[in-house]
Amino acid sequence: MTLADALSQYSDILSAILIFISSIIIAKLFYLVIIEYLLRIAKKTGTTLDGELLKTIEKPIYLGIILIGLYLAVISINILKDYSEQINNLFLAIGILWGVFMAVRSIDTIFKWHIEKAKKRIKIERTALLTVKNIIDVVIYIVAFLLILAEFGIEITPLIASLGIGGLAVALALQNTLSNYFAGIYIATDRSIKLGNYIELENGLKGYVESIGWRSTKIRTLPNNIVIVPNAKLAEMIVINYYDPEREMSVIIHCGVSYESDLEKVERVTIETAKKVLQNTKGGIGKFEPFIRYNKFGDSNIEFSIILRVKEFTDKYLVTHEFVKELMKRYRKEDIEISYPVRKVYMRETRQ
């Protein structure tokens, strides 16, 4: 047999070898040229995520190109033509596993990057990210497993039904726990309530948010007591956040002066007193211009409101305390009267 005959007889095998070698060369070129170029671009962006993601997928892509070359090489061999269906199923299963490997590595990188950023945040945020990552991983594995079974002709409908029934049973058994857990994730990721915020619940409870856990949120009241609120209940409540959108807040103090008072003088004296208190009291905002608004003819006084400004909610107690004291002193000095409530009772005389 001449060399030409030998080459002709085994041309398909030689072609398969060349295809496989070519795929390795292409994969190497892709790794050295395309990936390196993209990495250089990623360094110029404002985030490290794209660079880390490229480093994560470079080896799976390299491996994927080689697998494609191997598949093309195998199906080009004449002796294997009779097994084309089995080969296709095998490489499809390998392709699914490659896709799972690629997806899981990418998801891990993305979530690790976000978890690293969340280190300085509350624990439940990191827990939430890990939970979501694990759920996505499990879903990917299950879908891949079912696709492989279906590809090899195995009936997967009963298995899907069993998984659904099993999942429903677990969800019902852990209903309260899961509702608190996912409510905690919602509270943490929504970030409408943060650690250290001073909040008021619709039932009147006020306090600082001490922690947001997987089951409950702890609130420290001003008397220094800890109140534990289940996350599911907290998520359904109307909540006033005194630190959102900013800590500064207005304080409205109601007062009144007698009908004999000079209202222009009352306004001037009250504003002067308010300015002094805001400038000299801890928690007051000295640059704020206080103002008053007359709003009602009361039974004994002309009633008005004075508006002050404090740095945060708890500062209002001290500022109000000092303002009431100073205003009373100043009113006495300026002969401004705050009338007591008066009731006149008329007695009808009865004849004997």
Protein backbone atom coordinates (compact mmCIF):
# COMPACT_ATOMS: atom_id res chain seq x y z
CA MET A 1 0.00 0.00 0.00
CA THR A 2 1.38 3.31 -1.03
CA LEU A 3 1.50 6.37 1.20
CA ALA A 4 -1.20 8.00 -0.92
CA ASP A 5 -3.50 5.01 -0.43
CA ALA A 6 -2.88 5.04 3.31
CA LEU A 7 -3.61 8.75 3.52
CA SER A 8 -6.77 8.25 1.45
CA GLN A 9 -7.94 5.38 3.66
CA TYR A 10 -7.40 7.27 6.91
CA SER A 11 -8.17 10.74 5.63
CA ASP A 12 -11.19 11.10 7.94
CA ILE A 13 -9.05 10.29 10.98
CA LEU A 14 -6.36 12.74 9.89
CA SER A 15 -9.07 15.33 9.29
CA ALA A 16 -10.44 14.70 12.79
CA ILE A 17 -6.97 15.13 14.29
CA LEU A 18 -6.47 18.39 12.37
CA ILE A 19 -9.89 19.67 13.50
CA PHE A 20 -9.07 18.89 17.14
CA ILE A 21 -5.62 20.49 16.94
CA SER A 22 -7.15 23.53 15.23
CA SER A 23 -9.69 23.88 18.03
CA ILE A 24 -6.87 23.90 20.59
CA ILE A 25 -5.04 26.60 18.59
CA ILE A 26 -8.23 28.68 18.25
CA ALA A 27 -8.93 28.31 21.97
CA LYS A 28 -5.39 29.41 22.80
CA LEU A 29 -5.61 32.40 20.45
CA PHE A 30 -8.97 33.35 21.93
CA TYR A 31 -7.46 33.12 25.41
CA LEU A 32 -4.37 35.15 24.53
CA VAL A 33 -5.95 37.77 22.28
CA ILE A 34 -9.65 38.28 22.93
CA ILE A 35 -9.68 37.66 26.69
CA GLU A 36 -6.52 39.70 27.29
CA TYR A 37 -7.95 42.56 25.23
CA LEU A 38 -11.20 42.48 27.18
CA LEU A 39 -9.27 42.39 30.47
CA ARG A 40 -7.38 45.54 29.49
CA ILE A 41 -10.69 47.27 28.73
CA ALA A 42 -12.14 46.05 32.04
CA LYS A 43 -9.31 47.68 33.98
CA LYS A 44 -10.42 51.07 32.66
CA THR A 45 -13.99 50.73 33.94
CA GLY A 46 -15.18 51.99 37.30
CA THR A 47 -15.85 48.53 38.74
CA THR A 48 -13.85 45.36 39.35
CA LEU A 49 -16.79 43.06 38.65
CA ASP A 50 -16.30 42.84 34.88
CA GLY A 51 -12.61 41.96 35.29
CA GLU A 52 -13.35 39.25 37.86
CA LEU A 53 -16.13 37.88 35.66
CA LEU A 54 -13.80 37.65 32.66
CA LYS A 55 -11.20 35.80 34.72
CA THR A 56 -13.92 33.41 35.84
CA ILE A 57 -15.20 32.52 32.37
CA GLU A 58 -11.90 32.48 30.46
CA LYS A 59 -11.11 28.83 31.29
CA PRO A 60 -14.67 27.55 30.67
CA ILE A 61 -14.69 29.29 27.27
CA TYR A 62 -11.26 27.81 26.48
CA LEU A 63 -12.58 24.37 27.41
CA GLY A 64 -15.82 24.96 25.46
CA ILE A 65 -13.97 25.72 22.22
CA ILE A 66 -11.93 22.53 22.61
CA LEU A 67 -15.10 20.51 23.26
CA ILE A 68 -16.66 21.89 20.09
CA GLY A 69 -13.53 20.90 18.18
CA LEU A 70 -13.63 17.43 19.73
CA TYR A 71 -17.28 17.02 18.72
CA LEU A 72 -16.60 18.10 15.13
CA ALA A 73 -13.60 15.78 15.03
CA VAL A 74 -15.54 12.76 16.29
CA ILE A 75 -18.50 13.14 13.93
CA SER A 76 -16.13 13.45 10.96
CA ILE A 77 -14.79 9.90 11.48
CA ASN A 78 -16.55 7.53 9.10
CA ILE A 79 -16.36 4.49 11.35
CA LEU A 80 -18.42 6.32 13.99
CA LYS A 81 -21.25 7.35 11.65
CA ASP A 82 -23.45 4.50 12.89
CA TYR A 83 -23.24 5.86 16.44
CA SER A 84 -24.08 9.44 15.54
CA GLU A 85 -27.23 9.55 17.70
CA GLN A 86 -25.41 8.29 20.79
CA ILE A 87 -22.54 10.68 20.12
CA ASN A 88 -24.92 13.61 19.75
CA ASN A 89 -26.67 12.71 23.02
CA LEU A 90 -23.34 12.34 24.81
CA PHE A 91 -21.98 15.67 23.63
CA LEU A 92 -25.30 17.37 24.33
CA ALA A 93 -25.09 16.12 27.92
CA ILE A 94 -21.49 17.34 28.09
CA GLY A 95 -22.63 20.68 26.67
CA ILE A 96 -25.33 20.97 29.34
CA LEU A 97 -22.75 20.21 32.05
CA TRP A 98 -20.43 22.80 30.53
CA GLY A 99 -23.27 25.35 30.56
CA VAL A 100 -23.97 24.52 34.22
CA PHE A 101 -20.29 24.89 35.07
CA MET A 102 -20.14 28.23 33.24
CA ALA A 103 -23.33 29.57 34.83
CA VAL A 104 -22.48 28.49 38.38
CA ARG A 105 -18.98 29.97 38.23
CA SER A 106 -20.33 33.24 36.83
CA ILE A 107 -23.08 33.46 39.45
CA ASP A 108 -20.60 32.67 42.24
CA THR A 109 -18.33 35.47 41.05
CA ILE A 110 -21.17 38.00 40.81
CA PHE A 111 -22.54 37.17 44.25
CA LYS A 112 -19.11 37.04 45.90
CA TRP A 113 -18.47 40.53 44.57
CA HIS A 114 -21.76 41.81 45.98
CA ILE A 115 -21.23 39.98 49.29
CA GLU A 116 -17.81 41.59 49.61
CA LYS A 117 -19.46 44.98 49.12
CA ALA A 118 -22.10 44.08 51.72
CA LYS A 119 -19.56 43.27 54.46
CA LYS A 120 -20.13 46.61 56.14
CA ARG A 121 -23.87 46.25 55.95
CA ILE A 122 -26.23 44.23 58.08
CA LYS A 123 -25.80 40.47 58.31
CA ILE A 124 -29.18 39.64 56.77
CA GLU A 125 -28.11 41.31 53.49
CA ARG A 126 -25.16 38.93 53.16
CA THR A 127 -27.40 36.04 54.19
CA ALA A 128 -29.95 37.09 51.58
CA LEU A 129 -27.32 37.20 48.84
CA LEU A 130 -26.00 33.76 49.80
CA THR A 131 -29.53 32.36 49.91
CA VAL A 132 -30.40 33.72 46.47
CA LYS A 133 -27.11 32.39 45.07
CA ASN A 134 -27.72 28.92 46.51
CA ILE A 135 -31.30 28.86 45.22
CA ILE A 136 -30.15 29.81 41.72
CA ASP A 137 -27.41 27.15 41.84
CA VAL A 138 -29.88 24.46 42.91
CA VAL A 139 -32.35 25.47 40.18
CA ILE A 140 -29.58 25.31 37.56
CA TYR A 141 -28.49 21.84 38.74
CA ILE A 142 -32.06 20.52 38.77
CA VAL A 143 -32.86 21.89 35.31
CA ALA A 144 -29.60 20.49 33.91
CA PHE A 145 -30.26 17.08 35.50
CA LEU A 146 -33.78 16.96 34.05
CA LEU A 147 -32.57 18.01 30.59
CA ILE A 148 -29.94 15.26 30.58
CA LEU A 149 -32.50 12.65 31.65
CA ALA A 150 -34.92 13.82 28.96
CA GLU A 151 -32.17 13.73 26.34
CA PHE A 152 -31.50 10.07 27.13
CA GLY A 153 -35.19 9.21 26.81
CA ILE A 154 -36.05 8.98 30.52
CA GLU A 155 -39.55 10.19 31.45
CA ILE A 156 -39.18 13.21 33.73
CA THR A 157 -42.86 14.18 34.25
CA PRO A 158 -43.32 11.99 37.39
CA LEU A 159 -40.07 13.35 38.80
CA ILE A 160 -41.17 16.95 38.28
CA ALA A 161 -44.51 16.19 39.96
CA SER A 162 -42.72 14.59 42.92
CA LEU A 163 -40.44 17.59 43.30
CA GLY A 164 -43.43 19.92 43.23
CA ILE A 165 -45.35 17.96 45.87
CA GLY A 166 -42.27 17.65 48.06
CA GLY A 167 -41.53 21.36 47.80
CA LEU A 168 -45.13 22.23 48.68
CA ALA A 169 -45.04 19.99 51.76
CA VAL A 170 -41.82 21.58 53.00
CA ALA A 171 -43.17 25.08 52.35
CA LEU A 172 -46.35 24.36 54.35
CA ALA A 173 -44.37 22.87 57.25
CA LEU A 174 -42.06 25.89 57.43
CA GLN A 175 -44.64 28.54 56.52
CA ASN A 176 -44.07 30.85 59.51
CA THR A 177 -40.30 30.45 59.46
CA LEU A 178 -40.09 31.08 55.72
CA SER A 179 -42.43 34.09 55.89
CA ASN A 180 -40.23 35.69 58.56
CA TYR A 181 -37.07 34.80 56.67
CA PHE A 182 -38.16 36.24 53.33
CA ALA A 183 -39.70 39.26 55.06
CA GLY A 184 -36.29 39.87 56.63
CA ILE A 185 -34.66 39.64 53.21
CA TYR A 186 -37.24 42.09 51.84
CA ILE A 187 -36.65 44.57 54.69
CA ALA A 188 -32.87 44.35 54.28
CA THR A 189 -32.76 44.64 50.50
CA ASP A 190 -35.46 47.32 50.30
CA ARG A 191 -33.35 49.40 52.74
CA SER A 192 -36.31 51.50 53.83
CA ILE A 193 -35.27 50.55 57.38
CA LYS A 194 -31.58 50.47 58.27
CA LEU A 195 -29.55 49.74 61.38
CA GLY A 196 -29.54 52.69 63.76
CA ASN A 197 -32.69 54.28 62.30
CA TYR A 198 -35.23 55.68 64.75
CA ILE A 199 -38.65 54.37 63.71
CA GLU A 200 -42.24 54.38 64.89
CA LEU A 201 -44.58 51.47 64.19
CA GLU A 202 -48.30 51.82 63.59
CA ASN A 203 -48.98 50.38 67.07
CA GLY A 204 -47.10 53.31 68.65
CA LEU A 205 -43.82 51.52 69.36
CA LYS A 206 -40.81 53.81 68.90
CA GLY A 207 -37.12 53.02 69.05
CA TYR A 208 -33.79 52.47 67.34
CA VAL A 209 -33.30 49.52 64.99
CA GLU A 210 -30.68 47.36 66.73
CA SER A 211 -30.57 44.39 64.35
CA ILE A 212 -32.41 42.82 61.44
CA GLY A 213 -32.08 39.05 61.66
CA TRP A 214 -33.40 36.18 59.60
CA ARG A 215 -36.44 35.76 61.90
CA SER A 216 -37.01 39.03 63.74
CA THR A 217 -36.01 42.68 64.06
CA LYS A 218 -34.88 44.09 67.41
CA ILE A 219 -35.90 47.63 68.36
CA ARG A 220 -34.37 49.46 71.34
CA THR A 221 -36.80 51.88 72.95
CA LEU A 222 -35.75 55.10 74.72
CA PRO A 223 -36.11 53.45 78.17
CA ASN A 224 -33.40 51.05 76.87
CA ASN A 225 -35.65 48.02 76.47
CA ILE A 226 -35.38 45.63 73.52
CA VAL A 227 -38.59 44.82 71.67
CA ILE A 228 -38.47 41.84 69.29
CA VAL A 229 -40.79 42.13 66.27
CA PRO A 230 -41.24 39.18 63.83
CA ASN A 231 -40.15 40.24 60.36
CA ALA A 232 -43.40 39.11 58.75
CA LYS A 233 -45.42 41.43 61.01
CA LEU A 234 -42.97 44.31 60.60
CA ALA A 235 -43.15 44.04 56.80
CA GLU A 236 -46.95 44.47 56.94
CA MET A 237 -46.92 47.46 59.31
CA ILE A 238 -47.01 51.15 58.49
CA VAL A 239 -43.65 52.48 59.67
CA ILE A 240 -42.49 56.07 60.16
CA ASN A 241 -38.73 56.34 59.67
CA TYR A 242 -37.51 59.51 61.36
CA TYR A 243 -34.10 59.15 59.68
CA ASP A 244 -35.40 59.02 56.13
CA PRO A 245 -34.85 60.90 53.85
CA GLU A 246 -32.69 62.79 56.39
CA ARG A 247 -32.21 62.93 60.14
CA GLU A 248 -33.06 66.61 60.47
CA MET A 249 -36.69 67.23 61.31
CA SER A 250 -39.05 70.02 62.27
CA VAL A 251 -40.52 70.28 65.76
CA ILE A 252 -43.94 71.89 66.15
CA ILE A 253 -44.77 73.31 69.59
CA HIS A 254 -48.27 74.60 70.29
CA CYS A 255 -48.88 77.63 72.48
CA GLY A 256 -51.37 80.42 73.06
CA VAL A 257 -51.56 83.99 74.40
CA SER A 258 -54.41 86.03 75.83
CA TYR A 259 -56.69 88.07 73.62
CA GLU A 260 -55.24 91.29 75.10
CA SER A 261 -51.75 90.51 73.74
CA ASP A 262 -50.01 92.44 70.95
CA LEU A 263 -49.61 89.70 68.36
CA GLU A 264 -46.73 91.44 66.56
CA LYS A 265 -44.82 91.62 69.84
CA VAL A 266 -45.68 88.01 70.65
CA GLU A 267 -44.32 86.89 67.28
CA ARG A 268 -41.08 88.86 67.69
CA VAL A 269 -40.44 87.70 71.27
CA THR A 270 -41.26 84.07 70.48
CA ILE A 271 -38.95 83.95 67.44
CA GLU A 272 -36.09 85.61 69.37
CA THR A 273 -36.48 83.03 72.13
CA ALA A 274 -36.60 80.17 69.62
CA LYS A 275 -33.40 81.36 67.90
CA LYS A 276 -31.60 81.59 71.24
CA VAL A 277 -32.67 78.08 72.22
CA LEU A 278 -31.68 76.55 68.86
CA GLN A 279 -28.24 78.19 69.01
CA ASN A 280 -27.50 77.24 72.63
CA THR A 281 -29.10 73.82 72.99
CA LYS A 282 -27.48 70.56 71.95
CA GLY A 283 -29.32 69.08 68.99
CA GLY A 284 -30.80 72.36 67.80
CA ILE A 285 -29.98 73.73 64.34
CA GLY A 286 -28.76 77.26 65.01
CA LYS A 287 -28.89 78.37 61.37
CA PHE A 288 -32.57 77.55 61.06
CA GLU A 289 -34.99 80.49 61.04
CA PRO A 290 -37.88 79.56 63.36
CA PHE A 291 -41.33 80.93 62.60
CA ILE A 292 -44.79 80.97 64.12
CA ARG A 293 -48.24 80.58 62.64
CA TYR A 294 -51.40 81.79 64.36
CA ASN A 295 -54.05 79.21 63.71
CA LYS A 296 -57.03 79.39 66.06
CA PHE A 297 -59.21 81.59 68.26
CA GLY A 298 -59.35 79.37 71.32
CA ASP A 299 -61.64 79.50 74.33
CA SER A 300 -59.11 81.44 76.42
CA ASN A 301 -56.18 82.24 74.10
CA ILE A 302 -55.23 83.01 70.55
CA GLU A 303 -53.46 79.78 69.67
CA PHE A 304 -50.38 79.43 67.47
CA SER A 305 -47.62 76.98 66.56
CA ILE A 306 -43.89 77.63 66.68
CA ILE A 307 -41.73 75.60 64.27
CA LEU A 308 -38.16 74.69 65.30
CA ARG A 309 -35.57 72.42 63.68
CA VAL A 310 -33.46 69.69 65.33
CA LYS A 311 -30.70 67.35 64.13
CA GLU A 312 -32.62 64.15 64.85
CA PHE A 313 -35.81 62.88 66.45
CA THR A 314 -34.59 62.42 70.03
CA ASP A 315 -33.15 65.95 70.11
CA LYS A 316 -36.66 67.35 70.07
CA TYR A 317 -37.20 66.45 73.73
CA LEU A 318 -34.34 68.58 75.07
CA VAL A 319 -35.01 71.43 72.62
CA THR A 320 -38.71 71.49 73.54
CA HIS A 321 -37.82 71.38 77.24
CA GLU A 322 -35.45 74.35 76.99
CA PHE A 323 -37.76 76.31 74.72
CA VAL A 324 -40.76 76.04 77.07
CA LYS A 325 -38.64 77.22 80.01
CA GLU A 326 -37.08 80.13 78.12
CA LEU A 327 -40.38 81.20 76.55
CA MET A 328 -42.11 81.28 79.93
CA LYS A 329 -39.32 83.45 81.37
CA ARG A 330 -39.41 85.81 78.41
CA TYR A 331 -43.22 86.13 78.43
CA ARG A 332 -43.17 87.04 82.11
CA LYS A 333 -40.46 89.60 81.46
CA GLU A 334 -42.39 91.11 78.53
CA ASP A 335 -45.76 90.95 80.36
CA ILE A 336 -47.23 88.60 77.79
CA GLU A 337 -50.03 86.62 79.37
CA ILE A 338 -51.02 83.03 78.79
CA SER A 339 -54.58 82.84 80.06
CA TYR A 340 -55.95 80.00 82.10
CA PRO A 341 -59.07 78.28 80.79
CA VAL A 342 -62.09 80.11 82.19
CA ARG A 343 -65.62 78.84 82.48
CA LYS A 344 -68.49 81.10 83.59
CA VAL A 345 -71.39 79.36 85.25
CA TYR A 346 -74.73 81.20 85.58
CA MET A 347 -76.98 80.09 88.40
CA ARG A 348 -80.69 80.78 87.98
CA GLU A 349 -82.33 81.88 91.19
CA THR A 350 -85.35 79.87 92.20
CA ARG A 351 -88.27 81.38 94.11
CA GLN A 352 -89.22 79.87 97.43
